[in-house]
Amino acid sequence: MKLTNMALAADEQKEYAMLCCDEGMHKYPYNLCITLGSDECDKLGITNSFSAGTIVTIQAMAIVESVTEAVEDDGDDKGNDITMRLQITDLGVEPQGTATDAASRLYAKPTNKE
């Protein structure tokens, strides 16, 4: 599975910052955040909380709850604007260590353990 980094472009980050007072906190769109409550952690077998900064691996399956499609014709940008709301139905989470430098942890070259 190919993973795509969903970070906002610099101009999008500035746009988000104008909507709120915590500039610098909007590297990713707010709607990509998943919150796991006590019940969800219990179901996942998470009995001890992870420390903030711990990188975890998640794998998910979701159902498309709704789809909205609008035809855009605003000058140079012609095409369809598609929005899908996904309800995550199955989720797995595994700790992968603590990030001191998130970029180097996320994009580290794999080691061959033979």
N, C-alpha and C. Protein backbone atom coordinates (compact mmCIF):
# COMPACT_ATOMS: atom_id res chain seq x y z
N MET A 1 0.84 -1.17 0.00
CA MET A 1 0.00 0.00 0.00
C MET A 1 0.89 1.24 0.00
N LYS A 2 0.63 2.13 -0.93
CA LYS A 2 1.37 3.38 -1.01
C LYS A 2 0.75 4.38 -0.04
N LEU A 3 1.58 4.99 0.79
CA LEU A 3 1.10 6.01 1.72
C LEU A 3 1.37 7.39 1.14
N THR A 4 0.40 8.26 1.27
CA THR A 4 0.51 9.62 0.77
C THR A 4 0.54 10.57 1.95
N ASN A 5 1.54 11.44 1.99
CA ASN A 5 1.64 12.44 3.05
C ASN A 5 0.56 13.49 2.83
N MET A 6 -0.26 13.73 3.82
CA MET A 6 -1.41 14.63 3.71
C MET A 6 -1.14 16.02 4.29
N ALA A 7 0.13 16.37 4.47
CA ALA A 7 0.47 17.69 5.02
C ALA A 7 -0.05 18.80 4.12
N LEU A 8 -0.48 19.88 4.76
CA LEU A 8 -0.95 21.05 4.03
C LEU A 8 0.23 21.79 3.41
N ALA A 9 0.02 22.38 2.25
CA ALA A 9 1.03 23.24 1.64
C ALA A 9 1.17 24.50 2.51
N ALA A 10 2.27 25.21 2.37
CA ALA A 10 2.54 26.39 3.19
C ALA A 10 1.41 27.41 3.13
N ASP A 11 0.86 27.66 1.94
CA ASP A 11 -0.23 28.63 1.83
C ASP A 11 -1.50 28.13 2.53
N GLU A 12 -1.74 26.82 2.52
CA GLU A 12 -2.89 26.26 3.21
C GLU A 12 -2.71 26.38 4.73
N GLN A 13 -1.46 26.19 5.21
CA GLN A 13 -1.18 26.32 6.64
C GLN A 13 -1.46 27.75 7.10
N LYS A 14 -1.08 28.74 6.28
CA LYS A 14 -1.34 30.13 6.63
C LYS A 14 -2.84 30.40 6.68
N GLU A 15 -3.58 29.80 5.74
CA GLU A 15 -5.04 29.98 5.70
C GLU A 15 -5.67 29.41 6.97
N TYR A 16 -5.24 28.23 7.40
CA TYR A 16 -5.74 27.64 8.63
C TYR A 16 -5.37 28.51 9.83
N ALA A 17 -4.14 29.03 9.85
CA ALA A 17 -3.68 29.84 10.97
C ALA A 17 -4.53 31.10 11.12
N MET A 18 -5.02 31.65 10.03
CA MET A 18 -5.86 32.85 10.09
C MET A 18 -7.20 32.55 10.77
N LEU A 19 -7.63 31.30 10.76
CA LEU A 19 -8.90 30.92 11.36
C LEU A 19 -8.79 30.69 12.87
N CYS A 20 -7.57 30.60 13.36
CA CYS A 20 -7.38 30.27 14.77
C CYS A 20 -6.12 30.97 15.30
N CYS A 21 -5.96 30.94 16.59
CA CYS A 21 -4.85 31.65 17.20
C CYS A 21 -3.59 30.81 17.36
N ASP A 22 -3.64 29.52 17.13
CA ASP A 22 -2.48 28.66 17.38
C ASP A 22 -1.69 28.39 16.09
N GLU A 23 -1.06 29.43 15.60
CA GLU A 23 -0.28 29.30 14.36
C GLU A 23 0.78 28.22 14.54
N GLY A 24 0.99 27.46 13.50
CA GLY A 24 1.97 26.38 13.55
C GLY A 24 1.37 25.04 13.95
N MET A 25 0.12 25.03 14.37
CA MET A 25 -0.52 23.79 14.79
C MET A 25 -1.32 23.15 13.66
N HIS A 26 -1.23 23.70 12.47
CA HIS A 26 -2.07 23.21 11.38
C HIS A 26 -1.24 22.65 10.23
N LYS A 27 -0.41 21.67 10.52
CA LYS A 27 0.36 21.04 9.46
C LYS A 27 -0.53 20.10 8.64
N TYR A 28 -1.53 19.52 9.30
CA TYR A 28 -2.45 18.60 8.65
C TYR A 28 -3.88 19.10 8.84
N PRO A 29 -4.78 18.81 7.90
CA PRO A 29 -6.17 19.21 8.07
C PRO A 29 -6.77 18.60 9.34
N TYR A 30 -7.59 19.37 10.05
CA TYR A 30 -8.14 18.91 11.33
C TYR A 30 -8.98 17.64 11.18
N ASN A 31 -9.60 17.46 10.04
CA ASN A 31 -10.51 16.32 9.88
C ASN A 31 -9.79 15.00 9.63
N LEU A 32 -8.46 14.99 9.62
CA LEU A 32 -7.73 13.73 9.48
C LEU A 32 -7.36 13.14 10.84
N CYS A 33 -7.74 13.81 11.90
CA CYS A 33 -7.41 13.35 13.25
C CYS A 33 -8.44 12.34 13.72
N ILE A 34 -7.98 11.21 14.23
CA ILE A 34 -8.85 10.18 14.78
C ILE A 34 -8.68 10.20 16.30
N THR A 35 -9.77 10.24 17.04
CA THR A 35 -9.71 10.23 18.50
C THR A 35 -10.17 8.88 19.00
N LEU A 36 -9.34 8.24 19.81
CA LEU A 36 -9.69 6.95 20.41
C LEU A 36 -10.00 7.18 21.88
N GLY A 37 -11.22 6.90 22.30
CA GLY A 37 -11.61 7.01 23.70
C GLY A 37 -11.29 5.74 24.46
N SER A 38 -11.67 5.71 25.72
CA SER A 38 -11.39 4.55 26.57
C SER A 38 -11.98 3.27 26.01
N ASP A 39 -13.21 3.34 25.53
CA ASP A 39 -13.85 2.14 24.98
C ASP A 39 -13.08 1.62 23.77
N GLU A 40 -12.65 2.54 22.89
CA GLU A 40 -11.90 2.12 21.69
C GLU A 40 -10.54 1.53 22.07
N CYS A 41 -9.86 2.16 23.05
CA CYS A 41 -8.57 1.62 23.50
C CYS A 41 -8.74 0.23 24.11
N ASP A 42 -9.81 0.05 24.89
CA ASP A 42 -10.08 -1.27 25.47
C ASP A 42 -10.27 -2.30 24.37
N LYS A 43 -11.05 -1.96 23.35
CA LYS A 43 -11.31 -2.89 22.25
C LYS A 43 -10.03 -3.23 21.50
N LEU A 44 -9.10 -2.27 21.43
CA LEU A 44 -7.83 -2.49 20.72
C LEU A 44 -6.78 -3.16 21.60
N GLY A 45 -7.10 -3.37 22.87
CA GLY A 45 -6.14 -4.00 23.77
C GLY A 45 -5.06 -3.06 24.27
N ILE A 46 -5.29 -1.76 24.18
CA ILE A 46 -4.33 -0.77 24.68
C ILE A 46 -4.62 -0.57 26.15
N THR A 47 -3.79 -1.18 27.01
CA THR A 47 -4.03 -1.13 28.45
C THR A 47 -3.18 -0.05 29.13
N ASN A 48 -2.09 0.33 28.51
CA ASN A 48 -1.25 1.41 29.01
C ASN A 48 -1.16 2.47 27.93
N SER A 49 -1.32 3.73 28.32
CA SER A 49 -1.30 4.79 27.31
C SER A 49 0.10 4.93 26.72
N PHE A 50 0.15 5.33 25.47
CA PHE A 50 1.42 5.62 24.81
C PHE A 50 1.81 7.05 25.18
N SER A 51 3.09 7.34 25.19
CA SER A 51 3.55 8.70 25.45
C SER A 51 3.30 9.56 24.23
N ALA A 52 3.01 10.83 24.46
CA ALA A 52 2.88 11.76 23.34
C ALA A 52 4.19 11.74 22.57
N GLY A 53 4.12 11.73 21.26
CA GLY A 53 5.30 11.66 20.41
C GLY A 53 5.62 10.26 19.93
N THR A 54 4.93 9.25 20.49
CA THR A 54 5.13 7.87 20.04
C THR A 54 4.52 7.73 18.65
N ILE A 55 5.28 7.17 17.74
CA ILE A 55 4.77 6.91 16.40
C ILE A 55 4.12 5.54 16.42
N VAL A 56 2.90 5.45 15.88
CA VAL A 56 2.18 4.19 15.84
C VAL A 56 1.84 3.86 14.39
N THR A 57 1.67 2.59 14.14
CA THR A 57 1.20 2.13 12.84
C THR A 57 -0.27 1.83 12.98
N ILE A 58 -1.06 2.34 12.05
CA ILE A 58 -2.47 2.01 12.05
C ILE A 58 -2.83 1.42 10.69
N GLN A 59 -3.78 0.55 10.72
CA GLN A 59 -4.33 0.00 9.50
C GLN A 59 -5.83 0.05 9.68
N ALA A 60 -6.52 0.52 8.66
CA ALA A 60 -7.95 0.73 8.83
C ALA A 60 -8.75 0.25 7.63
N MET A 61 -10.01 -0.09 7.91
CA MET A 61 -10.99 -0.37 6.88
C MET A 61 -12.16 0.56 7.16
N ALA A 62 -12.74 1.13 6.10
CA ALA A 62 -13.81 2.09 6.31
C ALA A 62 -14.93 1.88 5.30
N ILE A 63 -16.11 2.38 5.64
CA ILE A 63 -17.26 2.39 4.76
C ILE A 63 -17.49 3.82 4.31
N VAL A 64 -17.72 4.00 3.03
CA VAL A 64 -18.05 5.33 2.52
C VAL A 64 -19.48 5.62 2.95
N GLU A 65 -19.66 6.62 3.83
CA GLU A 65 -20.99 6.97 4.32
C GLU A 65 -21.72 7.91 3.38
N SER A 66 -20.98 8.82 2.79
CA SER A 66 -21.63 9.76 1.87
C SER A 66 -20.62 10.26 0.86
N VAL A 67 -21.13 10.63 -0.30
CA VAL A 67 -20.29 11.18 -1.36
C VAL A 67 -20.99 12.42 -1.89
N THR A 68 -20.23 13.50 -2.01
CA THR A 68 -20.75 14.72 -2.60
C THR A 68 -19.84 15.06 -3.77
N GLU A 69 -20.43 15.31 -4.91
CA GLU A 69 -19.66 15.66 -6.09
C GLU A 69 -20.25 16.91 -6.70
N ALA A 70 -19.39 17.89 -6.95
CA ALA A 70 -19.82 19.14 -7.56
C ALA A 70 -18.91 19.44 -8.73
N VAL A 71 -19.48 19.93 -9.80
CA VAL A 71 -18.69 20.31 -10.97
C VAL A 71 -18.18 21.72 -10.74
N GLU A 72 -16.87 21.87 -10.80
CA GLU A 72 -16.24 23.18 -10.60
C GLU A 72 -15.87 23.78 -11.94
N ASP A 73 -16.20 25.02 -12.12
CA ASP A 73 -15.82 25.75 -13.34
C ASP A 73 -15.52 27.18 -12.94
N ASP A 74 -14.35 27.35 -12.31
CA ASP A 74 -13.99 28.68 -11.82
C ASP A 74 -12.71 29.18 -12.49
N GLY A 75 -12.77 29.32 -13.79
CA GLY A 75 -11.61 29.83 -14.53
C GLY A 75 -10.68 28.72 -14.93
N ASP A 76 -9.45 28.79 -14.41
CA ASP A 76 -8.41 27.82 -14.78
C ASP A 76 -8.66 26.43 -14.22
N ASP A 77 -9.34 26.36 -13.07
CA ASP A 77 -9.51 25.09 -12.39
C ASP A 77 -10.85 24.47 -12.76
N LYS A 78 -10.86 23.63 -13.78
CA LYS A 78 -12.08 22.95 -14.18
C LYS A 78 -11.97 21.49 -13.78
N GLY A 79 -13.03 20.96 -13.25
CA GLY A 79 -13.03 19.57 -12.85
C GLY A 79 -14.06 19.33 -11.77
N ASN A 80 -14.05 18.14 -11.21
CA ASN A 80 -15.02 17.78 -10.19
C ASN A 80 -14.40 17.92 -8.81
N ASP A 81 -15.20 18.39 -7.89
CA ASP A 81 -14.82 18.47 -6.49
C ASP A 81 -15.55 17.35 -5.78
N ILE A 82 -14.81 16.36 -5.29
CA ILE A 82 -15.42 15.19 -4.67
C ILE A 82 -15.09 15.19 -3.19
N THR A 83 -16.09 14.95 -2.37
CA THR A 83 -15.91 14.81 -0.93
C THR A 83 -16.54 13.49 -0.51
N MET A 84 -15.79 12.70 0.24
CA MET A 84 -16.31 11.44 0.76
C MET A 84 -16.15 11.44 2.27
N ARG A 85 -17.18 11.00 2.96
CA ARG A 85 -17.07 10.82 4.41
C ARG A 85 -16.92 9.34 4.66
N LEU A 86 -15.85 8.98 5.34
CA LEU A 86 -15.55 7.57 5.62
C LEU A 86 -15.78 7.28 7.09
N GLN A 87 -16.49 6.21 7.35
CA GLN A 87 -16.65 5.73 8.72
C GLN A 87 -15.70 4.56 8.90
N ILE A 88 -14.69 4.74 9.75
CA ILE A 88 -13.75 3.66 10.01
C ILE A 88 -14.48 2.58 10.80
N THR A 89 -14.38 1.34 10.29
CA THR A 89 -15.07 0.23 10.94
C THR A 89 -14.10 -0.73 11.62
N ASP A 90 -12.91 -0.91 11.10
CA ASP A 90 -11.91 -1.80 11.68
C ASP A 90 -10.60 -1.06 11.73
N LEU A 91 -9.87 -1.17 12.85
CA LEU A 91 -8.65 -0.39 13.05
C LEU A 91 -7.66 -1.19 13.86
N GLY A 92 -6.41 -1.17 13.47
CA GLY A 92 -5.34 -1.77 14.24
C GLY A 92 -4.29 -0.73 14.55
N VAL A 93 -3.70 -0.77 15.74
CA VAL A 93 -2.68 0.19 16.15
C VAL A 93 -1.54 -0.57 16.79
N GLU A 94 -0.30 -0.28 16.39
CA GLU A 94 0.88 -0.90 16.99
C GLU A 94 1.92 0.17 17.26
N PRO A 95 2.54 0.20 18.44
CA PRO A 95 3.59 1.18 18.71
C PRO A 95 4.83 0.86 17.90
N GLN A 96 5.52 1.90 17.46
CA GLN A 96 6.74 1.73 16.66
C GLN A 96 7.94 2.42 17.29
N GLY A 97 7.80 2.95 18.49
CA GLY A 97 8.90 3.64 19.15
C GLY A 97 8.54 5.09 19.39
N THR A 98 9.50 5.84 19.90
CA THR A 98 9.28 7.26 20.19
C THR A 98 10.02 8.10 19.18
N ALA A 99 9.37 9.13 18.70
CA ALA A 99 9.96 9.99 17.68
C ALA A 99 10.73 11.12 18.33
N THR A 100 12.00 11.21 18.01
CA THR A 100 12.75 12.40 18.40
C THR A 100 12.84 13.31 17.19
N ASP A 101 12.88 12.70 16.05
CA ASP A 101 12.85 13.43 14.78
C ASP A 101 11.86 12.68 13.90
N ALA A 102 10.63 13.14 13.87
CA ALA A 102 9.55 12.43 13.20
C ALA A 102 9.88 12.13 11.74
N ALA A 103 10.47 13.07 11.04
CA ALA A 103 10.76 12.84 9.62
C ALA A 103 11.74 11.69 9.44
N SER A 104 12.77 11.63 10.26
CA SER A 104 13.74 10.54 10.09
C SER A 104 13.14 9.20 10.49
N ARG A 105 12.21 9.19 11.45
CA ARG A 105 11.53 7.95 11.83
C ARG A 105 10.58 7.49 10.74
N LEU A 106 9.84 8.42 10.16
CA LEU A 106 8.84 8.06 9.16
C LEU A 106 9.46 7.63 7.84
N TYR A 107 10.60 8.23 7.51
CA TYR A 107 11.20 7.97 6.21
C TYR A 107 12.55 7.27 6.31
N ALA A 108 12.77 6.56 7.41
CA ALA A 108 14.02 5.84 7.59
C ALA A 108 14.12 4.70 6.57
N LYS A 109 15.33 4.43 6.13
CA LYS A 109 15.53 3.32 5.21
C LYS A 109 15.38 2.02 5.97
N PRO A 110 14.66 1.05 5.41
CA PRO A 110 14.49 -0.22 6.10
C PRO A 110 15.82 -0.96 6.24
N THR A 111 15.97 -1.68 7.33
CA THR A 111 17.18 -2.49 7.53
C THR A 111 16.86 -3.92 7.21
N ASN A 112 17.85 -4.63 6.66
CA ASN A 112 17.66 -6.05 6.34
C ASN A 112 18.11 -6.87 7.51
N LYS A 113 17.16 -7.53 8.15
CA LYS A 113 17.46 -8.41 9.27
C LYS A 113 17.32 -9.84 8.80
N GLU A 114 18.44 -10.46 8.51
CA GLU A 114 18.41 -11.85 8.02
C GLU A 114 19.11 -12.77 8.96
